[in-house]
Amino acid sequence: MRGLGIMVQNREKSLIFVVDDEEIIASTIAAILRLKGYDANAFTCSSEALETSRSVSPDLLISDVMMPLLSGAELAQQIQASHPQCRVLLFTGQWDRADAEIAACEYGLVYQLMPKPVHPKELLRKVREMLTTAQRAPTSGEERAHLRTIENMKETIAAVQADIAITTARKRSVRSRAEHHSQE
């Protein structure tokens, strides 16, 4: 499906790409942003947003994390590679912040993350904040190494939590069987 809405080249306004595979979500968010004075273009296909970014540089990308073909993080990484000033707001209905953050770190993104559904007032507040705050990508090897360390720590914590959950479940099972046998 082609991008929804009309691409306006008036750079007096911030240009925002809204990408969600659900047309109603993409078009509604873009309409809300246009009502507040932004140039917003809705896409239901991440590859079309990427193609459009080759001819025009968005100031902000708002994308669902879970997208067919090209995820929101992959799309953001590719757009930021050619437009490093583009800010990224990822949102997801399947809220697992740690997973989304780890995925975004893998792509070296500078981004913000929000759960969806999101109230229009909260979305507009976040958009204003992101467009008025300076963005700086990690540029040094030390900063990238720090991000990798954080990613590794999150993975280790997740693994330990999984081990604890499995061990706890096994102990409960053993106790339950022991109690069951003692009652016989």
N, C-alpha and C. Protein backbone atom coordinates (compact mmCIF):
# COMPACT_ATOMS: atom_id res chain seq x y z
N MET A 1 0.84 -1.18 0.00
CA MET A 1 0.00 0.00 0.00
C MET A 1 0.88 1.24 0.00
N ARG A 2 0.52 2.23 -0.74
CA ARG A 2 1.29 3.46 -0.83
C ARG A 2 1.17 4.25 0.47
N GLY A 3 2.06 5.20 0.65
CA GLY A 3 1.98 6.07 1.82
C GLY A 3 0.65 6.80 1.82
N LEU A 4 0.08 6.99 2.99
CA LEU A 4 -1.21 7.66 3.10
C LEU A 4 -0.97 9.13 3.37
N GLY A 5 -1.76 9.98 2.79
CA GLY A 5 -1.62 11.42 3.01
C GLY A 5 -0.76 12.03 1.93
N ILE A 6 -0.60 13.31 1.98
CA ILE A 6 0.14 14.04 0.96
C ILE A 6 1.46 14.51 1.55
N MET A 7 2.54 14.23 0.84
CA MET A 7 3.85 14.66 1.29
C MET A 7 3.99 16.15 0.98
N VAL A 8 4.20 16.94 2.00
CA VAL A 8 4.34 18.38 1.82
C VAL A 8 5.80 18.75 2.03
N GLN A 9 6.35 19.50 1.12
CA GLN A 9 7.77 19.83 1.19
C GLN A 9 8.04 21.17 1.88
N ASN A 10 7.11 21.69 2.62
CA ASN A 10 7.29 22.94 3.34
C ASN A 10 8.15 22.67 4.57
N ARG A 11 9.42 23.03 4.52
CA ARG A 11 10.32 22.69 5.61
C ARG A 11 10.25 23.68 6.76
N GLU A 12 9.27 24.60 6.71
CA GLU A 12 9.04 25.45 7.88
C GLU A 12 8.40 24.62 8.99
N LYS A 13 7.82 23.50 8.60
CA LYS A 13 7.19 22.59 9.55
C LYS A 13 8.04 21.33 9.64
N SER A 14 7.97 20.68 10.77
CA SER A 14 8.68 19.41 10.92
C SER A 14 7.97 18.33 10.13
N LEU A 15 8.76 17.53 9.42
CA LEU A 15 8.22 16.43 8.64
C LEU A 15 8.30 15.15 9.46
N ILE A 16 7.17 14.48 9.62
CA ILE A 16 7.09 13.27 10.44
C ILE A 16 6.56 12.13 9.58
N PHE A 17 7.27 11.00 9.64
CA PHE A 17 6.79 9.77 9.02
C PHE A 17 6.14 8.93 10.12
N VAL A 18 4.93 8.47 9.88
CA VAL A 18 4.22 7.59 10.80
C VAL A 18 4.07 6.25 10.10
N VAL A 19 4.61 5.19 10.71
CA VAL A 19 4.61 3.87 10.07
C VAL A 19 3.97 2.85 11.01
N ASP A 20 2.88 2.26 10.55
CA ASP A 20 2.22 1.19 11.28
C ASP A 20 1.49 0.33 10.26
N ASP A 21 1.58 -0.99 10.39
CA ASP A 21 0.93 -1.85 9.42
C ASP A 21 -0.59 -1.83 9.54
N GLU A 22 -1.11 -1.23 10.59
CA GLU A 22 -2.56 -1.03 10.72
C GLU A 22 -2.89 0.36 10.19
N GLU A 23 -3.59 0.41 9.07
CA GLU A 23 -3.88 1.68 8.40
C GLU A 23 -4.58 2.68 9.31
N ILE A 24 -5.53 2.22 10.10
CA ILE A 24 -6.28 3.13 10.96
C ILE A 24 -5.35 3.83 11.97
N ILE A 25 -4.37 3.10 12.47
CA ILE A 25 -3.44 3.70 13.44
C ILE A 25 -2.54 4.71 12.74
N ALA A 26 -1.93 4.33 11.62
CA ALA A 26 -1.03 5.23 10.91
C ALA A 26 -1.75 6.49 10.46
N SER A 27 -2.93 6.34 9.86
CA SER A 27 -3.63 7.50 9.33
C SER A 27 -4.18 8.39 10.44
N THR A 28 -4.62 7.79 11.54
CA THR A 28 -5.14 8.59 12.67
C THR A 28 -4.03 9.41 13.31
N ILE A 29 -2.88 8.80 13.57
CA ILE A 29 -1.77 9.53 14.18
C ILE A 29 -1.31 10.66 13.25
N ALA A 30 -1.20 10.37 11.96
CA ALA A 30 -0.78 11.41 11.00
C ALA A 30 -1.80 12.55 10.97
N ALA A 31 -3.09 12.22 11.02
CA ALA A 31 -4.12 13.27 11.00
C ALA A 31 -4.03 14.14 12.25
N ILE A 32 -3.81 13.53 13.40
CA ILE A 32 -3.67 14.29 14.65
C ILE A 32 -2.47 15.23 14.55
N LEU A 33 -1.36 14.72 14.03
CA LEU A 33 -0.16 15.56 13.90
C LEU A 33 -0.39 16.71 12.91
N ARG A 34 -1.08 16.44 11.81
CA ARG A 34 -1.36 17.51 10.83
C ARG A 34 -2.25 18.58 11.46
N LEU A 35 -3.23 18.16 12.27
CA LEU A 35 -4.09 19.13 12.95
C LEU A 35 -3.29 20.05 13.88
N LYS A 36 -2.18 19.56 14.37
CA LYS A 36 -1.33 20.37 15.26
C LYS A 36 -0.21 21.09 14.51
N GLY A 37 -0.28 21.08 13.17
CA GLY A 37 0.65 21.89 12.40
C GLY A 37 1.88 21.19 11.86
N TYR A 38 1.98 19.90 12.04
CA TYR A 38 3.13 19.17 11.51
C TYR A 38 2.81 18.66 10.10
N ASP A 39 3.84 18.46 9.29
CA ASP A 39 3.69 17.75 8.03
C ASP A 39 3.88 16.28 8.38
N ALA A 40 2.81 15.51 8.27
CA ALA A 40 2.88 14.10 8.66
C ALA A 40 2.42 13.23 7.50
N ASN A 41 3.17 12.20 7.23
CA ASN A 41 2.85 11.26 6.17
C ASN A 41 2.73 9.87 6.78
N ALA A 42 1.60 9.21 6.53
CA ALA A 42 1.34 7.88 7.08
C ALA A 42 1.73 6.81 6.08
N PHE A 43 2.33 5.74 6.59
CA PHE A 43 2.71 4.59 5.77
C PHE A 43 2.23 3.32 6.46
N THR A 44 1.77 2.36 5.67
CA THR A 44 1.41 1.05 6.23
C THR A 44 2.46 0.01 5.87
N CYS A 45 3.45 0.42 5.13
CA CYS A 45 4.52 -0.49 4.71
C CYS A 45 5.86 0.19 4.98
N SER A 46 6.68 -0.43 5.81
CA SER A 46 7.96 0.18 6.19
C SER A 46 8.89 0.39 4.99
N SER A 47 8.83 -0.50 4.01
CA SER A 47 9.71 -0.33 2.84
C SER A 47 9.33 0.92 2.03
N GLU A 48 8.05 1.29 2.02
CA GLU A 48 7.64 2.51 1.32
C GLU A 48 8.11 3.75 2.07
N ALA A 49 8.09 3.70 3.38
CA ALA A 49 8.62 4.82 4.17
C ALA A 49 10.11 4.97 3.89
N LEU A 50 10.82 3.84 3.82
CA LEU A 50 12.25 3.87 3.53
C LEU A 50 12.51 4.45 2.15
N GLU A 51 11.74 4.03 1.17
CA GLU A 51 11.89 4.53 -0.19
C GLU A 51 11.64 6.04 -0.24
N THR A 52 10.61 6.50 0.44
CA THR A 52 10.31 7.94 0.47
C THR A 52 11.43 8.72 1.14
N SER A 53 12.07 8.12 2.14
CA SER A 53 13.16 8.80 2.85
C SER A 53 14.37 9.02 1.95
N ARG A 54 14.43 8.33 0.83
CA ARG A 54 15.54 8.54 -0.10
C ARG A 54 15.41 9.86 -0.85
N SER A 55 14.19 10.40 -0.91
CA SER A 55 13.99 11.67 -1.62
C SER A 55 13.70 12.84 -0.67
N VAL A 56 13.34 12.55 0.55
CA VAL A 56 13.04 13.61 1.52
C VAL A 56 13.48 13.13 2.90
N SER A 57 14.02 14.04 3.68
CA SER A 57 14.55 13.70 5.00
C SER A 57 13.54 14.00 6.10
N PRO A 58 13.04 12.97 6.77
CA PRO A 58 12.10 13.25 7.87
C PRO A 58 12.84 13.78 9.09
N ASP A 59 12.13 14.60 9.85
CA ASP A 59 12.68 15.11 11.12
C ASP A 59 12.43 14.11 12.25
N LEU A 60 11.33 13.34 12.10
CA LEU A 60 10.95 12.37 13.12
C LEU A 60 10.31 11.17 12.45
N LEU A 61 10.69 9.99 12.90
CA LEU A 61 10.07 8.74 12.47
C LEU A 61 9.32 8.18 13.67
N ILE A 62 8.03 7.96 13.51
CA ILE A 62 7.23 7.28 14.52
C ILE A 62 6.86 5.95 13.91
N SER A 63 7.32 4.86 14.52
CA SER A 63 7.09 3.54 13.92
C SER A 63 6.73 2.51 14.97
N ASP A 64 5.81 1.63 14.58
CA ASP A 64 5.51 0.44 15.38
C ASP A 64 6.77 -0.42 15.37
N VAL A 65 7.05 -1.10 16.45
CA VAL A 65 8.22 -1.97 16.52
C VAL A 65 8.01 -3.21 15.65
N MET A 66 6.86 -3.85 15.79
CA MET A 66 6.57 -5.09 15.09
C MET A 66 5.92 -4.78 13.74
N MET A 67 6.70 -4.92 12.68
CA MET A 67 6.21 -4.66 11.32
C MET A 67 6.61 -5.83 10.43
N PRO A 68 5.77 -6.16 9.44
CA PRO A 68 6.17 -7.22 8.51
C PRO A 68 7.34 -6.75 7.63
N LEU A 69 8.13 -7.66 7.19
CA LEU A 69 9.28 -7.43 6.31
C LEU A 69 10.42 -6.67 6.98
N LEU A 70 10.18 -5.46 7.40
CA LEU A 70 11.22 -4.60 7.96
C LEU A 70 10.70 -4.08 9.30
N SER A 71 11.32 -4.48 10.41
CA SER A 71 10.84 -4.04 11.73
C SER A 71 11.03 -2.54 11.90
N GLY A 72 10.39 -1.99 12.92
CA GLY A 72 10.55 -0.57 13.21
C GLY A 72 11.99 -0.20 13.51
N ALA A 73 12.70 -1.07 14.24
CA ALA A 73 14.11 -0.80 14.56
C ALA A 73 14.97 -0.85 13.30
N GLU A 74 14.71 -1.83 12.42
CA GLU A 74 15.47 -1.92 11.17
C GLU A 74 15.21 -0.71 10.28
N LEU A 75 13.95 -0.30 10.20
CA LEU A 75 13.59 0.89 9.41
C LEU A 75 14.29 2.11 9.97
N ALA A 76 14.23 2.28 11.26
CA ALA A 76 14.86 3.44 11.90
C ALA A 76 16.37 3.46 11.66
N GLN A 77 17.00 2.30 11.77
CA GLN A 77 18.45 2.22 11.54
C GLN A 77 18.79 2.65 10.13
N GLN A 78 18.02 2.19 9.15
CA GLN A 78 18.31 2.53 7.76
C GLN A 78 18.05 4.01 7.47
N ILE A 79 16.99 4.56 8.06
CA ILE A 79 16.72 5.99 7.85
C ILE A 79 17.77 6.83 8.56
N GLN A 80 18.14 6.46 9.80
CA GLN A 80 19.16 7.23 10.51
C GLN A 80 20.53 7.12 9.84
N ALA A 81 20.78 6.04 9.12
CA ALA A 81 22.07 5.90 8.42
C ALA A 81 22.24 6.99 7.37
N SER A 82 21.15 7.35 6.69
CA SER A 82 21.25 8.40 5.67
C SER A 82 20.78 9.76 6.19
N HIS A 83 20.06 9.78 7.29
CA HIS A 83 19.57 11.03 7.88
C HIS A 83 19.82 11.00 9.40
N PRO A 84 21.07 11.19 9.83
CA PRO A 84 21.39 11.03 11.26
C PRO A 84 20.63 11.99 12.18
N GLN A 85 20.13 13.10 11.62
CA GLN A 85 19.39 14.06 12.45
C GLN A 85 17.96 13.60 12.72
N CYS A 86 17.49 12.57 12.03
CA CYS A 86 16.11 12.08 12.20
C CYS A 86 15.96 11.45 13.58
N ARG A 87 15.00 11.95 14.31
CA ARG A 87 14.70 11.37 15.62
C ARG A 87 13.76 10.18 15.42
N VAL A 88 13.76 9.26 16.40
CA VAL A 88 12.97 8.04 16.27
C VAL A 88 12.14 7.83 17.54
N LEU A 89 10.85 7.61 17.32
CA LEU A 89 9.94 7.23 18.39
C LEU A 89 9.34 5.89 18.01
N LEU A 90 9.72 4.85 18.74
CA LEU A 90 9.19 3.52 18.50
C LEU A 90 8.05 3.28 19.49
N PHE A 91 7.00 2.63 19.01
CA PHE A 91 5.91 2.28 19.92
C PHE A 91 5.44 0.87 19.59
N THR A 92 4.87 0.23 20.60
CA THR A 92 4.44 -1.15 20.42
C THR A 92 3.27 -1.48 21.33
N GLY A 93 2.39 -2.34 20.84
CA GLY A 93 1.29 -2.84 21.64
C GLY A 93 1.70 -4.07 22.43
N GLN A 94 2.77 -4.72 21.99
CA GLN A 94 3.29 -5.88 22.71
C GLN A 94 4.44 -5.38 23.58
N TRP A 95 4.09 -4.79 24.68
CA TRP A 95 5.03 -4.03 25.49
C TRP A 95 5.96 -4.94 26.28
N ASP A 96 7.16 -5.04 25.81
CA ASP A 96 8.24 -5.65 26.56
C ASP A 96 9.43 -4.74 26.35
N ARG A 97 9.52 -3.75 27.20
CA ARG A 97 10.50 -2.68 27.03
C ARG A 97 11.91 -3.22 26.87
N ALA A 98 12.27 -4.22 27.66
CA ALA A 98 13.64 -4.76 27.59
C ALA A 98 13.93 -5.32 26.21
N ASP A 99 12.99 -6.11 25.65
CA ASP A 99 13.19 -6.67 24.32
C ASP A 99 13.33 -5.58 23.27
N ALA A 100 12.46 -4.57 23.34
CA ALA A 100 12.50 -3.48 22.36
C ALA A 100 13.80 -2.70 22.49
N GLU A 101 14.25 -2.47 23.73
CA GLU A 101 15.49 -1.73 23.93
C GLU A 101 16.69 -2.52 23.43
N ILE A 102 16.70 -3.81 23.68
CA ILE A 102 17.81 -4.63 23.20
C ILE A 102 17.84 -4.64 21.68
N ALA A 103 16.68 -4.78 21.05
CA ALA A 103 16.61 -4.77 19.59
C ALA A 103 17.09 -3.44 19.04
N ALA A 104 16.69 -2.35 19.65
CA ALA A 104 17.10 -1.03 19.17
C ALA A 104 18.60 -0.82 19.39
N CYS A 105 19.14 -1.31 20.50
CA CYS A 105 20.57 -1.18 20.75
C CYS A 105 21.37 -1.93 19.69
N GLU A 106 20.85 -3.08 19.25
CA GLU A 106 21.55 -3.86 18.23
C GLU A 106 21.74 -3.06 16.95
N TYR A 107 20.80 -2.16 16.69
CA TYR A 107 20.88 -1.35 15.48
C TYR A 107 21.57 -0.01 15.74
N GLY A 108 22.04 0.23 16.95
CA GLY A 108 22.75 1.46 17.27
C GLY A 108 21.86 2.69 17.20
N LEU A 109 20.60 2.54 17.56
CA LEU A 109 19.65 3.63 17.43
C LEU A 109 19.70 4.60 18.60
N VAL A 110 19.39 5.85 18.28
CA VAL A 110 19.07 6.85 19.29
C VAL A 110 17.57 7.01 19.15
N TYR A 111 16.81 6.66 20.17
CA TYR A 111 15.36 6.59 20.03
C TYR A 111 14.67 6.79 21.37
N GLN A 112 13.36 6.96 21.31
CA GLN A 112 12.50 6.96 22.48
C GLN A 112 11.52 5.80 22.27
N LEU A 113 10.93 5.31 23.34
CA LEU A 113 10.03 4.17 23.26
C LEU A 113 8.76 4.47 24.03
N MET A 114 7.59 4.15 23.42
CA MET A 114 6.29 4.36 24.08
C MET A 114 5.42 3.13 23.87
N PRO A 115 4.57 2.82 24.86
CA PRO A 115 3.60 1.75 24.66
C PRO A 115 2.43 2.26 23.82
N LYS A 116 1.75 1.37 23.10
CA LYS A 116 0.52 1.78 22.44
C LYS A 116 -0.59 0.88 22.92
N PRO A 117 -1.78 1.35 23.03
CA PRO A 117 -2.20 2.65 22.53
C PRO A 117 -1.66 3.79 23.39
N VAL A 118 -1.50 4.92 22.75
CA VAL A 118 -1.01 6.10 23.44
C VAL A 118 -2.06 7.20 23.28
N HIS A 119 -2.29 7.92 24.35
CA HIS A 119 -3.26 9.01 24.31
C HIS A 119 -2.69 10.12 23.42
N PRO A 120 -3.52 10.73 22.58
CA PRO A 120 -3.02 11.78 21.68
C PRO A 120 -2.28 12.91 22.39
N LYS A 121 -2.73 13.31 23.57
CA LYS A 121 -2.03 14.38 24.31
C LYS A 121 -0.61 13.95 24.68
N GLU A 122 -0.47 12.70 25.12
CA GLU A 122 0.86 12.19 25.50
C GLU A 122 1.75 12.08 24.26
N LEU A 123 1.18 11.61 23.16
CA LEU A 123 1.94 11.52 21.91
C LEU A 123 2.41 12.90 21.46
N LEU A 124 1.51 13.87 21.47
CA LEU A 124 1.89 15.23 21.05
C LEU A 124 2.94 15.83 21.97
N ARG A 125 2.82 15.58 23.27
CA ARG A 125 3.84 16.07 24.21
C ARG A 125 5.20 15.47 23.87
N LYS A 126 5.23 14.16 23.60
CA LYS A 126 6.48 13.48 23.29
C LYS A 126 7.06 13.99 21.97
N VAL A 127 6.22 14.19 20.97
CA VAL A 127 6.67 14.70 19.67
C VAL A 127 7.29 16.09 19.84
N ARG A 128 6.60 16.98 20.55
CA ARG A 128 7.14 18.33 20.79
C ARG A 128 8.49 18.25 21.49
N GLU A 129 8.56 17.41 22.54
CA GLU A 129 9.80 17.24 23.30
C GLU A 129 10.93 16.76 22.40
N MET A 130 10.64 15.77 21.58
CA MET A 130 11.68 15.18 20.74
C MET A 130 12.16 16.15 19.66
N LEU A 131 11.25 16.94 19.12
CA LEU A 131 11.63 17.86 18.04
C LEU A 131 12.33 19.11 18.56
N THR A 132 12.21 19.40 19.85
CA THR A 132 12.87 20.58 20.39
C THR A 132 14.13 20.26 21.18
N THR A 133 14.37 18.99 21.47
CA THR A 133 15.55 18.57 22.21
C THR A 133 16.64 18.14 21.24
N ALA A 134 17.84 18.59 21.49
CA ALA A 134 18.97 18.20 20.64
C ALA A 134 19.21 16.70 20.76
N GLN A 135 19.56 16.10 19.66
CA GLN A 135 19.84 14.66 19.63
C GLN A 135 21.31 14.44 19.33
N ARG A 136 21.88 13.50 20.05
CA ARG A 136 23.28 13.17 19.81
C ARG A 136 23.43 11.66 19.80
N ALA A 137 23.90 11.16 18.71
CA ALA A 137 24.12 9.71 18.59
C ALA A 137 25.44 9.33 19.24
N PRO A 138 25.54 8.10 19.76
CA PRO A 138 26.82 7.67 20.29
C PRO A 138 27.83 7.59 19.15
N THR A 139 28.91 8.36 19.28
CA THR A 139 29.86 8.44 18.18
C THR A 139 31.18 7.75 18.49
N SER A 140 31.57 7.74 19.73
CA SER A 140 32.87 7.15 20.04
C SER A 140 32.73 5.65 20.25
N GLY A 141 33.84 4.97 20.07
CA GLY A 141 33.87 3.53 20.32
C GLY A 141 33.53 3.24 21.77
N GLU A 142 33.94 4.12 22.67
CA GLU A 142 33.66 3.93 24.09
C GLU A 142 32.16 3.99 24.36
N GLU A 143 31.45 4.94 23.72
CA GLU A 143 30.00 5.04 23.92
C GLU A 143 29.29 3.81 23.35
N ARG A 144 29.72 3.34 22.18
CA ARG A 144 29.11 2.15 21.59
C ARG A 144 29.39 0.92 22.47
N ALA A 145 30.61 0.85 23.03
CA ALA A 145 30.96 -0.26 23.92
C ALA A 145 30.09 -0.22 25.18
N HIS A 146 29.82 0.99 25.68
CA HIS A 146 28.96 1.15 26.84
C HIS A 146 27.55 0.63 26.53
N LEU A 147 27.02 0.96 25.36
CA LEU A 147 25.70 0.46 24.96
C LEU A 147 25.69 -1.06 24.87
N ARG A 148 26.75 -1.64 24.34
CA ARG A 148 26.85 -3.10 24.25
C ARG A 148 26.90 -3.72 25.65
N THR A 149 27.62 -3.08 26.56
CA THR A 149 27.69 -3.58 27.94
C THR A 149 26.31 -3.57 28.56
N ILE A 150 25.55 -2.51 28.35
CA ILE A 150 24.19 -2.43 28.88
C ILE A 150 23.34 -3.55 28.28
N GLU A 151 23.48 -3.76 26.98
CA GLU A 151 22.74 -4.82 26.30
C GLU A 151 23.10 -6.18 26.90
N ASN A 152 24.38 -6.45 27.10
CA ASN A 152 24.81 -7.72 27.68
C ASN A 152 24.28 -7.90 29.10
N MET A 153 24.28 -6.82 29.87
CA MET A 153 23.76 -6.89 31.23
C MET A 153 22.27 -7.24 31.22
N LYS A 154 21.51 -6.63 30.32
CA LYS A 154 20.08 -6.92 30.22
C LYS A 154 19.85 -8.38 29.85
N GLU A 155 20.66 -8.88 28.92
CA GLU A 155 20.53 -10.28 28.52
C GLU A 155 20.86 -11.21 29.68
N THR A 156 21.90 -10.88 30.44
CA THR A 156 22.29 -11.69 31.59
C THR A 156 21.19 -11.66 32.65
N ILE A 157 20.64 -10.50 32.93
CA ILE A 157 19.56 -10.38 33.91
C ILE A 157 18.36 -11.21 33.47
N ALA A 158 18.01 -11.12 32.19
CA ALA A 158 16.87 -11.90 31.67
C ALA A 158 17.12 -13.40 31.82
N ALA A 159 18.35 -13.83 31.55
CA ALA A 159 18.68 -15.26 31.67
C ALA A 159 18.61 -15.70 33.13
N VAL A 160 19.11 -14.89 34.04
CA VAL A 160 19.06 -15.23 35.47
C VAL A 160 17.62 -15.28 35.94
N GLN A 161 16.79 -14.31 35.51
CA GLN A 161 15.39 -14.32 35.89
C GLN A 161 14.69 -15.57 35.37
N ALA A 162 15.01 -15.99 34.17
CA ALA A 162 14.42 -17.21 33.62
C ALA A 162 14.85 -18.43 34.42
N ASP A 163 16.13 -18.49 34.79
CA ASP A 163 16.63 -19.60 35.60
C ASP A 163 15.94 -19.65 36.96
N ILE A 164 15.75 -18.49 37.56
CA ILE A 164 15.07 -18.42 38.86
C ILE A 164 13.64 -18.91 38.73
N ALA A 165 12.95 -18.49 37.67
CA ALA A 165 11.56 -18.91 37.46
C ALA A 165 11.47 -20.42 37.27
N ILE A 166 12.39 -20.98 36.49
CA ILE A 166 12.40 -22.44 36.26
C ILE A 166 12.69 -23.19 37.55
N THR A 167 13.70 -22.73 38.31
CA THR A 167 14.06 -23.39 39.57
C THR A 167 12.89 -23.32 40.55
N THR A 168 12.24 -22.18 40.64
CA THR A 168 11.09 -22.02 41.55
C THR A 168 9.96 -22.95 41.14
N ALA A 169 9.69 -23.03 39.85
CA ALA A 169 8.62 -23.93 39.37
C ALA A 169 8.95 -25.38 39.68
N ARG A 170 10.21 -25.77 39.50
CA ARG A 170 10.61 -27.16 39.81
C ARG A 170 10.45 -27.46 41.30
N LYS A 171 10.86 -26.52 42.14
CA LYS A 171 10.73 -26.73 43.59
C LYS A 171 9.27 -26.88 43.98
N ARG A 172 8.40 -26.05 43.41
CA ARG A 172 6.96 -26.15 43.70
C ARG A 172 6.42 -27.50 43.25
N SER A 173 6.87 -27.95 42.09
CA SER A 173 6.41 -29.24 41.56
C SER A 173 6.85 -30.38 42.46
N VAL A 174 8.10 -30.33 42.90
CA VAL A 174 8.62 -31.38 43.79
C VAL A 174 7.84 -31.37 45.10
N ARG A 175 7.61 -30.19 45.68
CA ARG A 175 6.85 -30.08 46.92
C ARG A 175 5.42 -30.59 46.74
N SER A 176 4.82 -30.22 45.63
CA SER A 176 3.45 -30.63 45.35
C SER A 176 3.36 -32.15 45.23
N ARG A 177 4.31 -32.76 44.54
CA ARG A 177 4.32 -34.23 44.42
C ARG A 177 4.56 -34.88 45.77
N ALA A 178 5.47 -34.31 46.55
CA ALA A 178 5.76 -34.87 47.88
C ALA A 178 4.53 -34.78 48.76
N GLU A 179 3.81 -33.68 48.72
CA GLU A 179 2.59 -33.52 49.51
C GLU A 179 1.53 -34.49 49.04
N HIS A 180 1.44 -34.66 47.74
CA HIS A 180 0.45 -35.56 47.16
C HIS A 180 0.74 -37.01 47.60
N HIS A 181 2.02 -37.40 47.57
CA HIS A 181 2.39 -38.76 47.97
C HIS A 181 2.18 -38.96 49.47
N SER A 182 2.43 -37.94 50.27
CA SER A 182 2.27 -38.08 51.72
C SER A 182 0.81 -38.19 52.10
N GLN A 183 -0.09 -37.67 51.27
CA GLN A 183 -1.53 -37.76 51.55
C GLN A 183 -2.10 -39.11 51.15
N GLU A 184 -1.37 -39.86 50.32
CA GLU A 184 -1.87 -41.17 49.89
C GLU A 184 -1.70 -42.20 50.91
